[in-house]
Protein backbone atom coordinates (compact mmCIF):
# COMPACT_ATOMS: atom_id res chain seq x y z
CA MET A 1 29.72 -18.72 11.38
CA PRO A 2 29.46 -15.67 13.61
CA LEU A 3 26.02 -14.61 14.69
CA ASP A 4 24.71 -11.30 13.51
CA CYS A 5 23.78 -9.52 16.80
CA SER A 6 22.98 -6.17 15.24
CA GLU A 7 19.52 -4.87 16.03
CA THR A 8 17.07 -4.00 13.31
CA LEU A 9 15.64 -0.52 14.04
CA PRO A 10 11.89 -0.33 13.66
CA THR A 11 10.60 1.57 10.73
CA PRO A 12 9.04 4.85 11.95
CA PRO A 13 5.30 5.11 11.18
CA SER A 14 4.29 7.14 8.15
CA PRO A 15 2.84 10.54 8.99
CA HIS A 16 -0.86 11.02 8.76
CA ARG A 17 -1.36 12.67 5.35
CA VAL A 18 -3.60 15.80 5.37
CA VAL A 19 -4.54 17.31 2.02
CA ALA A 20 -6.37 20.60 1.76
CA LEU A 21 -8.62 20.74 -1.26
CA VAL A 22 -8.61 24.25 -2.58
CA ALA A 23 -10.42 26.19 -5.37
CA PRO A 24 -10.15 29.48 -7.23
CA ASN A 25 -10.75 32.58 -5.14
CA GLN A 26 -9.74 30.60 -2.05
CA GLU A 27 -9.93 32.15 1.28
CA LEU A 28 -6.52 31.62 2.82
CA TYR A 29 -7.34 31.62 6.56
CA PRO A 30 -8.75 28.03 6.79
CA VAL A 31 -5.87 26.78 4.61
CA THR A 32 -3.13 28.46 6.64
CA SER A 33 -4.91 27.51 9.94
CA ALA A 34 -4.90 23.78 8.90
CA SER A 35 -1.29 24.12 7.82
CA ALA A 36 -0.31 25.65 11.06
CA VAL A 37 -1.85 22.76 13.05
CA PHE A 38 -0.86 19.90 10.85
CA GLY A 39 2.45 21.28 9.44
CA TYR A 40 6.00 21.20 10.81
CA HIS A 41 6.49 22.51 14.38
CA GLY A 42 10.27 22.16 14.73
CA PRO A 43 12.44 19.45 16.29
CA ASP A 44 10.94 19.63 19.70
CA ILE A 45 7.46 18.55 18.71
CA PRO A 46 6.86 15.15 17.14
CA GLN A 47 5.80 15.32 13.52
CA HIS A 48 2.70 13.17 13.24
CA TYR A 49 1.19 14.79 10.15
CA SER A 50 2.15 15.92 6.61
CA PHE A 51 0.27 18.72 4.90
CA SER A 52 -0.13 19.45 1.19
CA LEU A 53 -2.57 21.01 -1.27
CA GLY A 54 -4.68 19.67 -4.10
CA ALA A 55 -7.08 21.27 -6.62
CA GLU A 56 -9.35 20.23 -9.39
CA HIS A 57 -7.27 22.32 -11.79
CA PRO A 58 -3.75 22.68 -10.39
CA GLY A 59 -1.54 25.59 -11.10
CA SER A 60 -1.68 29.19 -9.99
CA LEU A 61 -5.00 29.85 -8.19
CA PRO A 62 -6.36 33.27 -7.20
CA THR A 63 -7.23 33.94 -3.62
CA THR A 64 -9.35 36.40 -1.74
CA LEU A 65 -6.16 38.05 -0.54
CA GLY A 66 -5.31 39.19 -4.04
CA VAL A 67 -2.18 37.08 -4.41
CA PRO A 68 -2.17 33.58 -6.10
CA ILE A 69 -1.15 30.28 -4.56
CA GLN A 70 0.66 27.54 -6.47
CA VAL A 71 -0.94 24.13 -6.31
CA ASP A 72 1.11 21.41 -7.88
CA ARG A 73 -1.26 18.36 -7.52
CA GLY A 74 -4.71 17.76 -8.91
CA LEU A 75 -7.44 15.58 -7.52
CA GLU A 76 -5.10 12.65 -7.50
CA ALA A 77 -3.73 14.21 -4.31
CA LEU A 78 -6.73 12.74 -2.54
CA ASP A 79 -5.87 9.20 -3.54
CA ASP A 80 -3.52 8.67 -0.58
CA ALA A 81 -4.91 11.26 1.85
CA ASP A 82 -5.85 10.19 5.35
CA THR A 83 -7.66 13.53 5.96
CA VAL A 84 -9.20 15.77 3.34
CA VAL A 85 -9.76 19.36 4.44
CA ILE A 86 -12.27 21.10 2.22
CA ALA A 87 -11.36 24.67 2.89
CA GLY A 88 -13.97 26.41 0.81
CA TRP A 89 -15.98 25.69 -2.28
CA THR A 90 -18.80 26.75 -4.59
CA LEU A 91 -22.35 25.77 -3.71
CA ALA A 92 -22.45 23.40 -6.69
CA PRO A 93 -19.23 21.25 -6.86
CA SER A 94 -18.27 19.59 -10.09
CA PRO A 95 -18.82 15.75 -10.65
CA ALA A 96 -15.01 15.25 -10.69
CA VAL A 97 -14.62 16.84 -7.21
CA LEU A 98 -17.62 14.90 -5.82
CA HIS A 99 -16.15 11.63 -7.23
CA ALA A 100 -12.65 12.27 -5.77
CA VAL A 101 -13.98 13.12 -2.33
CA SER A 102 -16.42 10.16 -2.41
CA GLN A 103 -13.55 7.74 -3.29
CA ALA A 104 -11.41 9.18 -0.53
CA HIS A 105 -14.21 8.73 2.03
CA ALA A 106 -15.04 5.22 0.75
CA ARG A 107 -11.49 3.98 1.47
CA GLY A 108 -11.47 5.49 4.99
CA ALA A 109 -10.23 9.07 4.63
CA ARG A 110 -11.63 11.56 7.08
CA ILE A 111 -13.54 14.47 5.47
CA VAL A 112 -13.25 17.90 7.21
CA ALA A 113 -15.50 20.53 5.64
CA VAL A 114 -15.16 24.20 6.60
CA CYS A 115 -17.76 26.84 5.88
CA ALA A 116 -18.98 26.45 2.28
CA GLY A 117 -17.01 23.19 2.03
CA ILE A 118 -19.98 21.55 3.73
CA PHE A 119 -21.79 21.51 0.39
CA ILE A 120 -19.52 18.72 -0.80
CA PRO A 121 -20.20 16.03 1.86
CA ALA A 122 -23.85 17.22 1.85
CA ALA A 123 -24.08 16.59 -1.90
CA LEU A 124 -22.63 13.13 -1.45
CA GLY A 125 -25.22 12.22 1.15
CA LEU A 126 -22.61 11.85 3.84
CA LEU A 127 -24.52 14.12 6.16
CA ASP A 128 -28.01 12.83 5.53
CA GLY A 129 -29.81 12.45 8.83
CA ARG A 130 -26.76 13.78 10.65
CA ARG A 131 -26.10 16.98 12.50
CA ALA A 132 -23.74 19.42 10.88
CA SER A 133 -22.28 22.75 11.97
CA VAL A 134 -23.21 25.39 9.36
CA HIS A 135 -22.53 29.07 9.17
CA TRP A 136 -25.66 31.07 9.90
CA GLU A 137 -25.40 32.79 6.50
CA LEU A 138 -25.36 29.52 4.60
CA SER A 139 -28.10 27.72 6.57
CA GLY A 140 -30.99 28.76 4.32
CA GLU A 141 -29.16 27.75 1.05
CA LEU A 142 -27.95 24.51 2.49
CA ALA A 143 -31.44 23.62 3.80
CA ALA A 144 -32.94 24.25 0.38
CA ARG A 145 -30.40 22.20 -1.49
CA HIS A 146 -29.92 19.31 1.06
CA PRO A 147 -33.00 19.11 3.34
CA ARG A 148 -31.91 15.82 4.89
CA VAL A 149 -28.97 17.43 6.69
CA ILE A 150 -29.72 18.40 10.27
CA LEU A 151 -28.35 21.94 10.45
CA ASP A 152 -26.92 23.50 13.57
CA ASP A 153 -25.79 27.10 13.36
CA THR A 154 -25.28 27.45 17.12
CA VAL A 155 -22.05 25.38 17.53
CA ILE A 156 -18.56 25.87 16.09
CA TYR A 157 -18.12 22.34 14.87
CA VAL A 158 -19.56 18.84 14.80
CA ASP A 159 -17.47 15.67 14.47
CA HIS A 160 -18.89 12.30 13.47
CA GLY A 161 -15.44 10.68 13.02
CA ASP A 162 -15.62 10.04 9.30
CA VAL A 163 -16.97 13.51 8.58
CA ALA A 164 -16.53 16.77 10.52
CA THR A 165 -18.00 20.15 9.80
CA ALA A 166 -17.09 23.68 10.99
CA GLY A 167 -19.56 26.43 10.25
CA ALA A 168 -17.15 29.33 10.24
CA SER A 169 -13.63 29.47 8.80
CA ALA A 170 -12.51 30.96 12.14
CA ALA A 171 -13.26 27.61 13.75
CA THR A 172 -10.70 25.86 11.56
CA PRO A 173 -7.93 25.81 14.23
CA ASP A 174 -10.35 24.49 16.87
CA LEU A 175 -11.54 21.55 14.62
CA CYS A 176 -7.94 20.75 13.60
CA LEU A 177 -6.69 20.84 17.18
CA HIS A 178 -9.67 18.66 18.13
CA GLN A 179 -8.45 16.09 15.62
CA VAL A 180 -4.93 16.22 17.08
CA LEU A 181 -6.37 15.87 20.56
CA GLN A 182 -8.43 12.82 19.58
CA GLU A 183 -5.50 11.10 17.82
CA TYR A 184 -2.52 12.09 19.97
CA GLY A 185 -3.91 13.50 23.22
CA ALA A 186 -4.52 16.81 24.92
CA ALA A 187 -0.90 17.28 25.88
CA HIS A 188 0.27 17.13 22.19
CA ALA A 189 -2.54 19.41 21.09
CA MET A 190 -1.68 21.89 23.83
CA ARG A 191 1.97 21.93 22.71
CA ILE A 192 0.94 22.85 19.19
CA GLY A 193 -1.58 25.39 20.43
CA ARG A 194 1.07 27.06 22.67
CA GLN A 195 3.49 27.29 19.75
CA LEU A 196 0.78 28.96 17.70
CA ALA A 197 0.08 31.34 20.61
CA ALA A 198 -3.55 30.13 20.30
CA GLY A 199 -6.20 30.46 22.90
CA PRO A 200 -7.45 27.24 24.48
CA HIS A 201 -8.95 24.66 22.13
CA ARG A 202 -12.78 25.14 22.12
CA GLU A 203 -15.12 22.24 22.30
CA GLY A 204 -17.44 21.66 19.37
CA CYS A 205 -20.50 22.24 21.51
CA GLN A 206 -19.39 25.78 22.20
CA ARG A 207 -21.81 28.37 20.87
CA GLN A 208 -21.24 30.14 17.59
CA TYR A 209 -21.21 34.01 17.63
CA PRO A 210 -22.28 34.72 14.05
CA PRO A 211 -21.51 38.50 13.94
CA LEU A 212 -17.88 37.96 14.98
CA PRO A 213 -16.61 34.32 15.06
CA THR A 214 -13.11 34.49 16.45
CA THR A 215 -10.38 32.14 17.62
CA GLY A 216 -6.71 31.50 17.13
CA PRO A 217 -3.92 33.90 18.20
CA MET A 218 -4.46 35.85 21.44
CA PRO A 219 -5.71 39.35 20.76
CA ASP A 220 -3.08 41.97 21.55
CA SER A 221 -5.48 43.86 23.82
CA LEU A 222 -6.07 40.74 26.00
CA ALA A 223 -2.66 38.98 25.66
CA PRO A 224 -1.11 40.41 28.88
CA LEU A 225 -4.20 39.37 30.90
CA LEU A 226 -4.30 35.89 29.31
CA GLU A 227 -0.63 35.24 30.03
CA TRP A 228 -1.13 36.44 33.57
CA LEU A 229 -4.01 34.06 34.03
CA LEU A 230 -2.10 31.10 32.56
CA SER A 231 0.73 31.74 34.99
CA ARG A 232 -1.68 31.63 37.91
CA LEU A 233 -3.91 28.64 37.25
CA PRO A 234 -3.69 27.34 40.88
CA ASP A 235 -5.06 30.68 42.22
CA GLN A 236 -8.69 31.46 42.75
CA ILE A 237 -9.20 34.37 40.37
CA THR A 238 -12.57 36.20 39.89
CA VAL A 239 -13.73 38.34 37.05
CA GLU A 240 -13.28 41.30 39.37
CA ASP A 241 -9.62 40.28 39.78
CA MET A 242 -9.17 40.07 36.01
CA ALA A 243 -10.81 43.48 35.51
CA ALA A 244 -8.61 45.04 38.14
CA TYR A 245 -5.50 43.64 36.51
CA SER A 246 -6.69 44.99 33.14
CA ARG A 247 -7.80 48.30 34.68
CA VAL A 248 -11.27 48.07 33.23
CA SER A 249 -14.71 47.35 34.72
CA PRO A 250 -15.93 43.76 34.90
CA ARG A 251 -18.65 44.63 32.36
CA THR A 252 -16.16 46.02 29.88
CA LEU A 253 -13.89 42.98 30.32
CA THR A 254 -16.74 40.54 29.74
CA ARG A 255 -17.66 42.37 26.57
CA GLN A 256 -14.03 42.24 25.41
CA PHE A 257 -13.94 38.48 25.94
CA ALA A 258 -17.24 37.94 24.14
CA ASP A 259 -16.17 40.11 21.22
CA GLN A 260 -12.55 38.84 20.88
CA LEU A 261 -12.64 35.27 22.15
CA GLY A 262 -16.33 34.32 21.96
CA VAL A 263 -16.59 33.16 25.56
CA PRO A 264 -17.01 34.86 28.97
CA PRO A 265 -13.83 35.30 31.15
CA ALA A 266 -14.76 32.55 33.60
CA ARG A 267 -15.45 30.10 30.74
CA TRP A 268 -12.07 30.89 29.15
CA LEU A 269 -10.34 30.20 32.42
CA LEU A 270 -12.30 26.98 33.04
CA GLU A 271 -11.39 25.70 29.64
CA ARG A 272 -7.74 26.28 30.27
CA ARG A 273 -7.99 24.53 33.63
CA LEU A 274 -9.69 21.50 32.03
CA ALA A 275 -7.04 21.41 29.34
CA ALA A 276 -4.28 21.40 31.95
CA THR A 277 -6.20 18.65 33.82
CA ARG A 278 -6.24 16.48 30.72
CA ALA A 279 -2.53 16.96 30.13
CA LEU A 280 -1.72 15.95 33.75
CA LEU A 281 -4.02 12.95 33.52
CA GLU A 282 -2.27 11.78 30.35
CA GLU A 283 1.34 12.48 31.40
CA THR A 284 1.51 12.00 35.10
CA ASP A 285 0.31 9.57 37.87
CA LEU A 286 -0.69 12.47 40.16
CA PRO A 287 -3.81 11.90 42.27
CA VAL A 288 -6.97 13.81 41.23
CA GLU A 289 -6.76 15.78 44.40
CA THR A 290 -3.28 17.05 43.56
CA ILE A 291 -4.20 17.88 40.00
CA ALA A 292 -7.34 19.77 41.23
CA THR A 293 -5.04 21.98 43.38
CA ARG A 294 -2.54 22.49 40.57
CA VAL A 295 -5.12 23.62 37.99
CA GLY A 296 -7.18 25.75 40.34
CA LEU A 297 -10.26 23.61 40.60
CA SER A 298 -9.91 23.53 44.41
CA SER A 299 -11.11 19.92 45.17
CA ALA A 300 -11.34 16.50 43.57
CA VAL A 301 -15.12 16.68 43.81
CA ASN A 302 -15.27 19.95 41.92
CA LEU A 303 -12.74 18.65 39.31
CA ARG A 304 -14.77 15.46 38.70
CA ARG A 305 -17.99 17.45 38.30
CA ARG A 306 -16.50 19.94 35.91
CA PHE A 307 -14.69 17.27 34.00
CA HIS A 308 -17.79 15.11 33.55
CA THR A 309 -19.87 18.11 32.48
CA ALA A 310 -17.37 19.03 29.77
CA LEU A 311 -16.27 15.57 28.57
CA ARG A 312 -19.05 13.18 29.63
CA THR A 313 -16.42 10.92 31.26
CA THR A 314 -14.54 10.72 34.52
CA PRO A 315 -10.86 11.58 35.12
CA ALA A 316 -10.08 7.98 35.85
CA ALA A 317 -11.68 6.72 32.65
CA TYR A 318 -9.98 9.43 30.62
CA ARG A 319 -6.59 8.51 32.18
CA ARG A 320 -7.11 4.86 31.31
CA SER A 321 -7.89 5.69 27.69
CA PHE A 322 -4.43 7.27 27.27
CA ARG A 323 -2.48 4.58 29.04
């Protein structure tokens, strides 16, 4: 009897299922931001996630944009979700919603609450005694309703693993890219960010700017400068050099960065250099000295110091964790 020498191809892993829980009068920005990060990115970027919507009452839901969205699945959508993104809600969620989210969390789903969505994990006690990023406008109401939550209105997001919170809806891309980075590495997160034309992923400890929380696509007024900086990472560039390129004063440039990106110019450039460092540590065997030169951090000593300050680990330990 002839032997069957045919190979059995391994079954590809199922994508990580992300469900955005939406409600009437939904703000679309956090929903579309989560979809942009977790959705389809074309054949050149591996598809690790699937994205869908769920609602307490499915059907046609009004939005703050004035046009409705069609939601086909109810709360049963959370039954097989790996991540539940709560993209906005009322301050007093219904028992049905609380039960569905509680059940999802109990079986291991990650809960990501954005802006007013924080009231759901807070009501479930998932944030009791834990720090949570809250929008400065909601901190008083949340403290009154859920005094056991440790509120922080100075950072853009806080991640505890099973529950993550983002105070402002504008921080949604940052928090979602943070999840991608944690699960699939900085290089994959950077590829998605570049496709979205997004600025560098911001760490959760970064300060909130309540009057104008911004992130996401590069502002048109700064786009030429940002592209110029990204093409010259190895070079030693000062704020004065950036201002000269943009034909404005250093003070005006610093104000533009603060208003439109929420960070000073030097911080923006350092974050991009650290992101490039992480990608090179993950994907290459280049020595730290070579990486430092390529990303513009000048020396291995400086790279290690900056890296440890930002990530609380060493380049060598970081590289090992991705090998």
